All heavy atoms as atom14 arrays in JSON, in Angstrom:
{
  "sequence": "GLDYGLDRVVAAVAERPNIHLDLTGPLSWEGVVEFLTREVGAERLV",
  "atom14_mask": [
    [1, 1, 1, 1, 0, 0, 0, 0, 0, 0, 0, 0, 0, 0],
    [1, 1, 1, 1, 1, 1, 1, 1, 0, 0, 0, 0, 0, 0],
    [1, 1, 1, 1, 1, 1, 1, 1, 0, 0, 0, 0, 0, 0],
    [1, 1, 1, 1, 1, 1, 1, 1, 1, 1, 1, 1, 0, 0],
    [1, 1, 1, 1, 0, 0, 0, 0, 0, 0, 0, 0, 0, 0],
    [1, 1, 1, 1, 1, 1, 1, 1, 0, 0, 0, 0, 0, 0],
    [1, 1, 1, 1, 1, 1, 1, 1, 0, 0, 0, 0, 0, 0],
    [1, 1, 1, 1, 1, 1, 1, 1, 1, 1, 1, 0, 0, 0],
    [1, 1, 1, 1, 1, 1, 1, 0, 0, 0, 0, 0, 0, 0],
    [1, 1, 1, 1, 1, 1, 1, 0, 0, 0, 0, 0, 0, 0],
    [1, 1, 1, 1, 1, 0, 0, 0, 0, 0, 0, 0, 0, 0],
    [1, 1, 1, 1, 1, 0, 0, 0, 0, 0, 0, 0, 0, 0],
    [1, 1, 1, 1, 1, 1, 1, 0, 0, 0, 0, 0, 0, 0],
    [1, 1, 1, 1, 1, 0, 0, 0, 0, 0, 0, 0, 0, 0],
    [1, 1, 1, 1, 1, 1, 1, 1, 1, 0, 0, 0, 0, 0],
    [1, 1, 1, 1, 1, 1, 1, 1, 1, 1, 1, 0, 0, 0],
    [1, 1, 1, 1, 1, 1, 1, 0, 0, 0, 0, 0, 0, 0],
    [1, 1, 1, 1, 1, 1, 1, 1, 0, 0, 0, 0, 0, 0],
    [1, 1, 1, 1, 1, 1, 1, 1, 0, 0, 0, 0, 0, 0],
    [1, 1, 1, 1, 1, 1, 1, 1, 1, 1, 0, 0, 0, 0],
    [1, 1, 1, 1, 1, 1, 1, 1, 0, 0, 0, 0, 0, 0],
    [1, 1, 1, 1, 1, 1, 1, 1, 0, 0, 0, 0, 0, 0],
    [1, 1, 1, 1, 1, 1, 1, 1, 0, 0, 0, 0, 0, 0],
    [1, 1, 1, 1, 1, 1, 1, 0, 0, 0, 0, 0, 0, 0],
    [1, 1, 1, 1, 0, 0, 0, 0, 0, 0, 0, 0, 0, 0],
    [1, 1, 1, 1, 1, 1, 1, 0, 0, 0, 0, 0, 0, 0],
    [1, 1, 1, 1, 1, 1, 1, 1, 0, 0, 0, 0, 0, 0],
    [1, 1, 1, 1, 1, 1, 0, 0, 0, 0, 0, 0, 0, 0],
    [1, 1, 1, 1, 1, 1, 1, 1, 1, 1, 1, 1, 1, 1],
    [1, 1, 1, 1, 1, 1, 1, 1, 1, 0, 0, 0, 0, 0],
    [1, 1, 1, 1, 0, 0, 0, 0, 0, 0, 0, 0, 0, 0],
    [1, 1, 1, 1, 1, 1, 1, 0, 0, 0, 0, 0, 0, 0],
    [1, 1, 1, 1, 1, 1, 1, 0, 0, 0, 0, 0, 0, 0],
    [1, 1, 1, 1, 1, 1, 1, 1, 1, 0, 0, 0, 0, 0],
    [1, 1, 1, 1, 1, 1, 1, 1, 1, 1, 1, 0, 0, 0],
    [1, 1, 1, 1, 1, 1, 1, 1, 0, 0, 0, 0, 0, 0],
    [1, 1, 1, 1, 1, 1, 1, 0, 0, 0, 0, 0, 0, 0],
    [1, 1, 1, 1, 1, 1, 1, 1, 1, 1, 1, 0, 0, 0],
    [1, 1, 1, 1, 1, 1, 1, 1, 1, 0, 0, 0, 0, 0],
    [1, 1, 1, 1, 1, 1, 1, 0, 0, 0, 0, 0, 0, 0],
    [1, 1, 1, 1, 0, 0, 0, 0, 0, 0, 0, 0, 0, 0],
    [1, 1, 1, 1, 1, 0, 0, 0, 0, 0, 0, 0, 0, 0],
    [1, 1, 1, 1, 1, 1, 1, 1, 1, 0, 0, 0, 0, 0],
    [1, 1, 1, 1, 1, 1, 1, 1, 1, 1, 1, 0, 0, 0],
    [1, 1, 1, 1, 1, 1, 1, 1, 0, 0, 0, 0, 0, 0],
    [1, 1, 1, 1, 1, 1, 1, 0, 0, 0, 0, 0, 0, 0]
  ],
  "atom14_positions": [
    [[-112.96, 233.44, -7.32], [-112.73, 234.85, -7.11], [-112.24, 235.59, -8.34], [-111.53, 236.56, -8.24], [0.0, 0.0, 0.0], [0.0, 0.0, 0.0], [0.0, 0.0, 0.0], [0.0, 0.0, 0.0], [0.0, 0.0, 0.0], [0.0, 0.0, 0.0], [0.0, 0.0, 0.0], [0.0, 0.0, 0.0], [0.0, 0.0, 0.0], [0.0, 0.0, 0.0]],
    [[-112.62, 235.12, -9.51], [-112.05, 235.61, -10.76], [-112.2, 237.12, -10.91], [-111.29, 237.81, -11.38], [-112.71, 234.94, -11.95], [-112.26, 235.31, -13.33], [-110.79, 234.93, -13.54], [-113.15, 234.67, -14.39], [0.0, 0.0, 0.0], [0.0, 0.0, 0.0], [0.0, 0.0, 0.0], [0.0, 0.0, 0.0], [0.0, 0.0, 0.0], [0.0, 0.0, 0.0]],
    [[-113.3, 237.67, -10.46], [-113.54, 239.11, -10.62], [-112.64, 239.95, -9.72], [-112.56, 241.17, -9.89], [-115.0, 239.46, -10.42], [-115.56, 238.98, -9.11], [-115.21, 237.87, -8.7], [-116.35, 239.68, -8.46], [0.0, 0.0, 0.0], [0.0, 0.0, 0.0], [0.0, 0.0, 0.0], [0.0, 0.0, 0.0], [0.0, 0.0, 0.0], [0.0, 0.0, 0.0]],
    [[-112.03, 239.33, -8.71], [-111.12, 240.05, -7.83], [-109.73, 240.23, -8.46], [-108.91, 240.97, -7.96], [-110.96, 239.32, -6.5], [-112.21, 239.2, -5.7], [-112.6, 237.99, -5.15], [-113.07, 240.31, -5.5], [-113.75, 237.86, -4.4], [-114.24, 240.17, -4.8], [-114.57, 238.96, -4.23], [-115.72, 238.81, -3.5], [0.0, 0.0, 0.0], [0.0, 0.0, 0.0]],
    [[-109.47, 239.45, -9.52], [-108.12, 239.39, -10.07], [-107.4, 238.23, -9.52], [-107.19, 238.12, -8.29], [0.0, 0.0, 0.0], [0.0, 0.0, 0.0], [0.0, 0.0, 0.0], [0.0, 0.0, 0.0], [0.0, 0.0, 0.0], [0.0, 0.0, 0.0], [0.0, 0.0, 0.0], [0.0, 0.0, 0.0], [0.0, 0.0, 0.0], [0.0, 0.0, 0.0]],
    [[-106.97, 237.29, -10.38], [-106.4, 236.03, -9.89], [-105.08, 236.26, -9.15], [-104.69, 235.44, -8.29], [-106.2, 235.08, -11.07], [-107.53, 234.49, -11.62], [-107.21, 233.53, -12.75], [-108.3, 233.81, -10.53], [0.0, 0.0, 0.0], [0.0, 0.0, 0.0], [0.0, 0.0, 0.0], [0.0, 0.0, 0.0], [0.0, 0.0, 0.0], [0.0, 0.0, 0.0]],
    [[-104.36, 237.34, -9.47], [-103.12, 237.57, -8.7], [-103.45, 237.9, -7.24], [-102.75, 237.42, -6.34], [-102.32, 238.72, -9.36], [-103.13, 240.0, -9.56], [-104.39, 239.93, -9.47], [-102.52, 241.04, -9.77], [0.0, 0.0, 0.0], [0.0, 0.0, 0.0], [0.0, 0.0, 0.0], [0.0, 0.0, 0.0], [0.0, 0.0, 0.0], [0.0, 0.0, 0.0]],
    [[-104.52, 238.65, -7.01], [-104.93, 238.96, -5.63], [-105.44, 237.7, -4.94], [-105.19, 237.5, -3.73], [-106.01, 240.03, -5.63], [-105.52, 241.41, -6.09], [-106.66, 242.41, -6.02], [-107.17, 242.51, -4.68], [-108.45, 242.78, -4.38], [-109.33, 242.96, -5.34], [-108.83, 242.91, -3.14], [0.0, 0.0, 0.0], [0.0, 0.0, 0.0], [0.0, 0.0, 0.0]],
    [[-106.14, 236.84, -5.68], [-106.68, 235.63, -5.1], [-105.53, 234.73, -4.68], [-105.53, 234.19, -3.54], [-107.59, 234.91, -6.1], [-107.92, 233.49, -5.61], [-108.85, 235.69, -6.36], [0.0, 0.0, 0.0], [0.0, 0.0, 0.0], [0.0, 0.0, 0.0], [0.0, 0.0, 0.0], [0.0, 0.0, 0.0], [0.0, 0.0, 0.0], [0.0, 0.0, 0.0]],
    [[-104.54, 234.6, -5.5], [-103.39, 233.75, -5.17], [-102.72, 234.27, -3.89], [-102.39, 233.48, -3.02], [-102.4, 233.72, -6.35], [-101.06, 233.13, -5.91], [-102.99, 232.92, -7.51], [0.0, 0.0, 0.0], [0.0, 0.0, 0.0], [0.0, 0.0, 0.0], [0.0, 0.0, 0.0], [0.0, 0.0, 0.0], [0.0, 0.0, 0.0], [0.0, 0.0, 0.0]],
    [[-102.5, 235.55, -3.81], [-101.84, 236.11, -2.63], [-102.66, 235.87, -1.36], [-102.15, 235.63, -0.28], [-101.62, 237.62, -2.83], [0.0, 0.0, 0.0], [0.0, 0.0, 0.0], [0.0, 0.0, 0.0], [0.0, 0.0, 0.0], [0.0, 0.0, 0.0], [0.0, 0.0, 0.0], [0.0, 0.0, 0.0], [0.0, 0.0, 0.0], [0.0, 0.0, 0.0]],
    [[-103.99, 235.96, -1.51], [-104.89, 235.84, -0.34], [-104.94, 234.4, 0.15], [-105.02, 234.17, 1.37], [-106.3, 236.3, -0.69], [0.0, 0.0, 0.0], [0.0, 0.0, 0.0], [0.0, 0.0, 0.0], [0.0, 0.0, 0.0], [0.0, 0.0, 0.0], [0.0, 0.0, 0.0], [0.0, 0.0, 0.0], [0.0, 0.0, 0.0], [0.0, 0.0, 0.0]],
    [[-104.98, 233.42, -0.75], [-105.16, 232.02, -0.31], [-103.87, 231.28, -0.05], [-103.91, 230.2, 0.53], [-106.02, 231.25, -1.34], [-107.3, 231.97, -1.64], [-105.24, 230.96, -2.62], [0.0, 0.0, 0.0], [0.0, 0.0, 0.0], [0.0, 0.0, 0.0], [0.0, 0.0, 0.0], [0.0, 0.0, 0.0], [0.0, 0.0, 0.0], [0.0, 0.0, 0.0]],
    [[-102.78, 231.86, -0.44], [-101.51, 231.13, -0.35], [-101.22, 230.61, 1.03], [-100.72, 229.48, 1.19], [-100.33, 232.04, -0.82], [0.0, 0.0, 0.0], [0.0, 0.0, 0.0], [0.0, 0.0, 0.0], [0.0, 0.0, 0.0], [0.0, 0.0, 0.0], [0.0, 0.0, 0.0], [0.0, 0.0, 0.0], [0.0, 0.0, 0.0], [0.0, 0.0, 0.0]],
    [[-101.5, 231.36, 2.05], [-101.18, 230.99, 3.42], [-102.42, 230.48, 4.16], [-102.4, 230.38, 5.4], [-100.54, 232.14, 4.17], [-99.31, 232.69, 3.55], [-98.2, 231.64, 3.43], [-98.11, 230.78, 4.36], [-97.52, 231.6, 2.42], [0.0, 0.0, 0.0], [0.0, 0.0, 0.0], [0.0, 0.0, 0.0], [0.0, 0.0, 0.0], [0.0, 0.0, 0.0]],
    [[-103.5, 230.17, 3.44], [-104.73, 229.77, 4.08], [-105.16, 228.42, 3.46], [-105.95, 228.41, 2.53], [-105.82, 230.82, 3.93], [-105.46, 232.11, 4.64], [-106.48, 233.21, 4.36], [-106.14, 234.39, 5.14], [-105.32, 235.35, 4.73], [-104.71, 235.26, 3.55], [-105.08, 236.39, 5.49], [0.0, 0.0, 0.0], [0.0, 0.0, 0.0], [0.0, 0.0, 0.0]],
    [[-104.67, 227.32, 4.0], [-104.96, 226.01, 3.36], [-106.41, 225.59, 3.43], [-106.78, 224.63, 2.71], [-104.07, 225.07, 4.14], [-103.81, 225.73, 5.44], [-103.77, 227.19, 5.14], [0.0, 0.0, 0.0], [0.0, 0.0, 0.0], [0.0, 0.0, 0.0], [0.0, 0.0, 0.0], [0.0, 0.0, 0.0], [0.0, 0.0, 0.0], [0.0, 0.0, 0.0]],
    [[-107.23, 226.27, 4.21], [-108.65, 225.89, 4.28], [-109.48, 226.54, 3.18], [-110.64, 226.24, 3.04], [-109.24, 226.21, 5.64], [-109.11, 227.65, 6.04], [-108.1, 228.31, 5.78], [-110.13, 228.2, 6.71], [0.0, 0.0, 0.0], [0.0, 0.0, 0.0], [0.0, 0.0, 0.0], [0.0, 0.0, 0.0], [0.0, 0.0, 0.0], [0.0, 0.0, 0.0]],
    [[-108.85, 227.43, 2.35], [-109.59, 228.0, 1.22], [-109.28, 227.18, -0.03], [-108.14, 226.94, -0.38], [-109.19, 229.46, 0.97], [-109.54, 230.33, 2.18], [-109.93, 230.0, -0.26], [-109.21, 231.82, 1.99], [0.0, 0.0, 0.0], [0.0, 0.0, 0.0], [0.0, 0.0, 0.0], [0.0, 0.0, 0.0], [0.0, 0.0, 0.0], [0.0, 0.0, 0.0]],
    [[-110.34, 226.75, -0.71], [-110.25, 226.05, -1.95], [-110.93, 226.87, -3.02], [-111.89, 227.6, -2.77], [-110.95, 224.67, -1.83], [-110.49, 223.88, -0.65], [-109.49, 222.93, -0.77], [-110.85, 223.89, 0.66], [-109.26, 222.39, 0.43], [-110.08, 222.97, 1.3], [0.0, 0.0, 0.0], [0.0, 0.0, 0.0], [0.0, 0.0, 0.0], [0.0, 0.0, 0.0]],
    [[-110.42, 226.77, -4.24], [-110.92, 227.59, -5.34], [-111.84, 226.75, -6.23], [-111.45, 225.75, -6.82], [-109.76, 228.13, -6.15], [-108.79, 229.0, -5.38], [-107.68, 229.52, -6.33], [-109.47, 230.15, -4.7], [0.0, 0.0, 0.0], [0.0, 0.0, 0.0], [0.0, 0.0, 0.0], [0.0, 0.0, 0.0], [0.0, 0.0, 0.0], [0.0, 0.0, 0.0]],
    [[-113.1, 227.13, -6.26], [-114.1, 226.51, -7.12], [-113.93, 227.07, -8.54], [-114.01, 228.31, -8.71], [-115.48, 226.82, -6.56], [-116.59, 226.8, -7.61], [-116.57, 225.84, -8.45], [-117.41, 227.73, -7.63], [0.0, 0.0, 0.0], [0.0, 0.0, 0.0], [0.0, 0.0, 0.0], [0.0, 0.0, 0.0], [0.0, 0.0, 0.0], [0.0, 0.0, 0.0]],
    [[-113.69, 226.23, -9.5], [-113.33, 226.66, -10.85], [-114.51, 226.96, -11.76], [-114.33, 227.22, -12.95], [-112.43, 225.62, -11.49], [-111.01, 225.46, -10.9], [-110.25, 224.38, -11.64], [-110.26, 226.76, -10.92], [0.0, 0.0, 0.0], [0.0, 0.0, 0.0], [0.0, 0.0, 0.0], [0.0, 0.0, 0.0], [0.0, 0.0, 0.0], [0.0, 0.0, 0.0]],
    [[-115.73, 226.91, -11.24], [-116.9, 227.23, -12.06], [-116.75, 228.62, -12.7], [-116.49, 229.59, -12.02], [-118.18, 227.23, -11.24], [-118.31, 225.93, -10.63], [-119.39, 227.51, -12.07], [0.0, 0.0, 0.0], [0.0, 0.0, 0.0], [0.0, 0.0, 0.0], [0.0, 0.0, 0.0], [0.0, 0.0, 0.0], [0.0, 0.0, 0.0], [0.0, 0.0, 0.0]],
    [[-116.91, 228.67, -13.98], [-116.78, 229.96, -14.72], [-115.4, 230.19, -15.24], [-115.25, 230.35, -16.47], [0.0, 0.0, 0.0], [0.0, 0.0, 0.0], [0.0, 0.0, 0.0], [0.0, 0.0, 0.0], [0.0, 0.0, 0.0], [0.0, 0.0, 0.0], [0.0, 0.0, 0.0], [0.0, 0.0, 0.0], [0.0, 0.0, 0.0], [0.0, 0.0, 0.0]],
    [[-114.38, 230.28, -14.39], [-113.02, 230.46, -14.91], [-112.57, 229.38, -15.89], [-111.65, 229.59, -16.64], [-112.19, 230.42, -13.64], [-113.05, 230.95, -12.57], [-114.43, 230.42, -12.94], [0.0, 0.0, 0.0], [0.0, 0.0, 0.0], [0.0, 0.0, 0.0], [0.0, 0.0, 0.0], [0.0, 0.0, 0.0], [0.0, 0.0, 0.0], [0.0, 0.0, 0.0]],
    [[-113.21, 228.21, -15.84], [-112.84, 227.16, -16.83], [-113.13, 227.59, -18.24], [-112.65, 226.98, -19.2], [-113.6, 225.86, -16.49], [-113.08, 225.09, -15.26], [-114.03, 223.99, -14.88], [-111.68, 224.54, -15.52], [0.0, 0.0, 0.0], [0.0, 0.0, 0.0], [0.0, 0.0, 0.0], [0.0, 0.0, 0.0], [0.0, 0.0, 0.0], [0.0, 0.0, 0.0]],
    [[-113.92, 228.62, -18.43], [-114.16, 229.17, -19.77], [-113.06, 230.07, -20.25], [-113.06, 230.5, -21.4], [-115.49, 229.95, -19.77], [-116.58, 229.16, -19.34], [0.0, 0.0, 0.0], [0.0, 0.0, 0.0], [0.0, 0.0, 0.0], [0.0, 0.0, 0.0], [0.0, 0.0, 0.0], [0.0, 0.0, 0.0], [0.0, 0.0, 0.0], [0.0, 0.0, 0.0]],
    [[-112.12, 230.38, -19.39], [-111.04, 231.3, -19.7], [-109.76, 230.5, -19.98], [-109.35, 229.68, -19.15], [-110.79, 232.27, -18.54], [-111.92, 233.2, -18.29], [-113.16, 232.86, -17.81], [-111.92, 234.63, -18.48], [-113.93, 233.99, -17.7], [-113.24, 235.05, -18.1], [-111.0, 235.54, -18.93], [-113.58, 236.39, -18.13], [-111.35, 236.88, -18.96], [-112.62, 237.31, -18.57]],
    [[-109.11, 230.76, -21.07], [-107.92, 230.04, -21.43], [-106.77, 230.34, -20.44], [-106.52, 231.49, -20.1], [-107.45, 230.45, -22.86], [-106.25, 229.65, -23.33], [-105.86, 229.99, -24.74], [-106.51, 230.87, -25.35], [-104.87, 229.39, -25.25], [0.0, 0.0, 0.0], [0.0, 0.0, 0.0], [0.0, 0.0, 0.0], [0.0, 0.0, 0.0], [0.0, 0.0, 0.0]],
    [[-106.15, 229.28, -19.98], [-104.95, 229.41, -19.13], [-105.19, 229.48, -17.66], [-104.23, 229.51, -16.88], [0.0, 0.0, 0.0], [0.0, 0.0, 0.0], [0.0, 0.0, 0.0], [0.0, 0.0, 0.0], [0.0, 0.0, 0.0], [0.0, 0.0, 0.0], [0.0, 0.0, 0.0], [0.0, 0.0, 0.0], [0.0, 0.0, 0.0], [0.0, 0.0, 0.0]],
    [[-106.46, 229.56, -17.22], [-106.74, 229.67, -15.78], [-106.28, 228.46, -15.01], [-105.65, 228.57, -13.93], [-108.2, 229.96, -15.54], [-108.56, 229.79, -14.08], [-108.58, 231.41, -15.95], [0.0, 0.0, 0.0], [0.0, 0.0, 0.0], [0.0, 0.0, 0.0], [0.0, 0.0, 0.0], [0.0, 0.0, 0.0], [0.0, 0.0, 0.0], [0.0, 0.0, 0.0]],
    [[-106.58, 227.27, -15.51], [-106.19, 226.06, -14.8], [-104.69, 225.97, -14.68], [-104.13, 225.65, -13.61], [-106.76, 224.8, -15.51], [-106.25, 223.52, -14.81], [-108.28, 224.84, -15.52], [0.0, 0.0, 0.0], [0.0, 0.0, 0.0], [0.0, 0.0, 0.0], [0.0, 0.0, 0.0], [0.0, 0.0, 0.0], [0.0, 0.0, 0.0], [0.0, 0.0, 0.0]],
    [[-104.0, 226.25, -15.75], [-102.53, 226.2, -15.72], [-101.94, 227.22, -14.72], [-101.06, 226.9, -13.96], [-101.99, 226.5, -17.13], [-102.31, 225.41, -18.15], [-103.67, 225.57, -18.83], [-104.53, 226.37, -18.32], [-103.88, 224.92, -19.83], [0.0, 0.0, 0.0], [0.0, 0.0, 0.0], [0.0, 0.0, 0.0], [0.0, 0.0, 0.0], [0.0, 0.0, 0.0]],
    [[-102.5, 228.44, -14.76], [-102.01, 229.46, -13.87], [-102.22, 229.11, -12.4], [-101.29, 229.19, -11.58], [-102.71, 230.81, -14.17], [-102.37, 231.92, -13.23], [-101.18, 232.62, -13.34], [-103.23, 232.28, -12.21], [-100.85, 233.62, -12.44], [-102.93, 233.29, -11.3], [-101.74, 233.97, -11.42], [0.0, 0.0, 0.0], [0.0, 0.0, 0.0], [0.0, 0.0, 0.0]],
    [[-103.43, 228.69, -12.07], [-103.72, 228.38, -10.65], [-103.02, 227.11, -10.19], [-102.62, 227.05, -9.02], [-105.24, 228.26, -10.48], [-106.02, 229.56, -10.58], [-107.52, 229.33, -10.48], [-105.59, 230.6, -9.54], [0.0, 0.0, 0.0], [0.0, 0.0, 0.0], [0.0, 0.0, 0.0], [0.0, 0.0, 0.0], [0.0, 0.0, 0.0], [0.0, 0.0, 0.0]],
    [[-102.9, 226.14, -11.05], [-102.14, 224.94, -10.69], [-100.69, 225.29, -10.39], [-100.1, 224.77, -9.42], [-102.18, 223.9, -11.81], [-103.55, 223.51, -12.03], [-101.38, 222.66, -11.49], [0.0, 0.0, 0.0], [0.0, 0.0, 0.0], [0.0, 0.0, 0.0], [0.0, 0.0, 0.0], [0.0, 0.0, 0.0], [0.0, 0.0, 0.0], [0.0, 0.0, 0.0]],
    [[-100.11, 226.19, -11.16], [-98.73, 226.61, -10.93], [-98.59, 227.45, -9.67], [-97.63, 227.27, -8.89], [-98.24, 227.39, -12.15], [-96.77, 227.84, -12.03], [-96.33, 228.55, -13.33], [-97.01, 229.82, -13.52], [-97.92, 230.01, -14.49], [-98.27, 229.03, -15.29], [-98.46, 231.23, -14.61], [0.0, 0.0, 0.0], [0.0, 0.0, 0.0], [0.0, 0.0, 0.0]],
    [[-99.56, 228.34, -9.43], [-99.39, 229.33, -8.36], [-99.87, 228.86, -7.01], [-99.28, 229.25, -5.97], [-100.14, 230.61, -8.76], [-99.57, 231.3, -9.98], [-98.13, 231.75, -9.82], [-97.78, 232.16, -8.7], [-97.39, 231.7, -10.83], [0.0, 0.0, 0.0], [0.0, 0.0, 0.0], [0.0, 0.0, 0.0], [0.0, 0.0, 0.0], [0.0, 0.0, 0.0]],
    [[-100.91, 228.08, -6.93], [-101.43, 227.62, -5.65], [-101.42, 226.09, -5.47], [-101.56, 225.59, -4.38], [-102.86, 228.15, -5.36], [-102.88, 229.65, -5.39], [-103.89, 227.55, -6.33], [0.0, 0.0, 0.0], [0.0, 0.0, 0.0], [0.0, 0.0, 0.0], [0.0, 0.0, 0.0], [0.0, 0.0, 0.0], [0.0, 0.0, 0.0], [0.0, 0.0, 0.0]],
    [[-101.26, 225.38, -6.59], [-101.21, 223.9, -6.56], [-102.57, 223.29, -6.88], [-103.61, 223.79, -6.53], [0.0, 0.0, 0.0], [0.0, 0.0, 0.0], [0.0, 0.0, 0.0], [0.0, 0.0, 0.0], [0.0, 0.0, 0.0], [0.0, 0.0, 0.0], [0.0, 0.0, 0.0], [0.0, 0.0, 0.0], [0.0, 0.0, 0.0], [0.0, 0.0, 0.0]],
    [[-102.51, 222.17, -7.58], [-103.74, 221.48, -7.96], [-104.57, 221.03, -6.76], [-105.75, 220.88, -6.85], [-103.36, 220.24, -8.82], [0.0, 0.0, 0.0], [0.0, 0.0, 0.0], [0.0, 0.0, 0.0], [0.0, 0.0, 0.0], [0.0, 0.0, 0.0], [0.0, 0.0, 0.0], [0.0, 0.0, 0.0], [0.0, 0.0, 0.0], [0.0, 0.0, 0.0]],
    [[-103.9, 220.84, -5.59], [-104.57, 220.37, -4.38], [-105.59, 221.35, -3.86], [-106.43, 221.02, -3.0], [-103.55, 220.06, -3.3], [-102.55, 218.98, -3.65], [-101.41, 219.47, -4.47], [-101.35, 220.72, -4.77], [-100.53, 218.67, -4.9], [0.0, 0.0, 0.0], [0.0, 0.0, 0.0], [0.0, 0.0, 0.0], [0.0, 0.0, 0.0], [0.0, 0.0, 0.0]],
    [[-105.54, 222.61, -4.33], [-106.45, 223.65, -3.84], [-107.61, 223.91, -4.8], [-108.41, 224.82, -4.56], [-105.66, 224.94, -3.62], [-104.43, 224.79, -2.74], [-104.78, 224.61, -1.3], [-105.4, 225.81, -0.77], [-104.7, 226.91, -0.38], [-103.4, 226.94, -0.5], [-105.32, 227.95, 0.09], [0.0, 0.0, 0.0], [0.0, 0.0, 0.0], [0.0, 0.0, 0.0]],
    [[-107.7, 223.18, -5.89], [-108.68, 223.44, -6.94], [-109.75, 222.37, -7.0], [-109.48, 221.22, -6.84], [-107.99, 223.55, -8.29], [-106.76, 224.47, -8.37], [-106.14, 224.47, -9.77], [-107.13, 225.9, -7.96], [0.0, 0.0, 0.0], [0.0, 0.0, 0.0], [0.0, 0.0, 0.0], [0.0, 0.0, 0.0], [0.0, 0.0, 0.0], [0.0, 0.0, 0.0]],
    [[-110.99, 222.83, -7.2], [-112.16, 221.93, -7.24], [-112.97, 222.19, -8.49], [-113.27, 223.33, -8.82], [-113.02, 222.11, -5.97], [-114.28, 221.25, -6.05], [-112.24, 221.81, -4.71], [0.0, 0.0, 0.0], [0.0, 0.0, 0.0], [0.0, 0.0, 0.0], [0.0, 0.0, 0.0], [0.0, 0.0, 0.0], [0.0, 0.0, 0.0], [0.0, 0.0, 0.0]]
  ]
}
């Protein structure tokens, strides 16, 4: 959901454990993995 703004994505998925974040594309952006691991947890990232 990178184009939605990652802060909005984090807020949306925080209480929805059935949503997982596919990292295709955002892996080209510096700091995305670190930010999402910190904010939603590595368990939600694919």
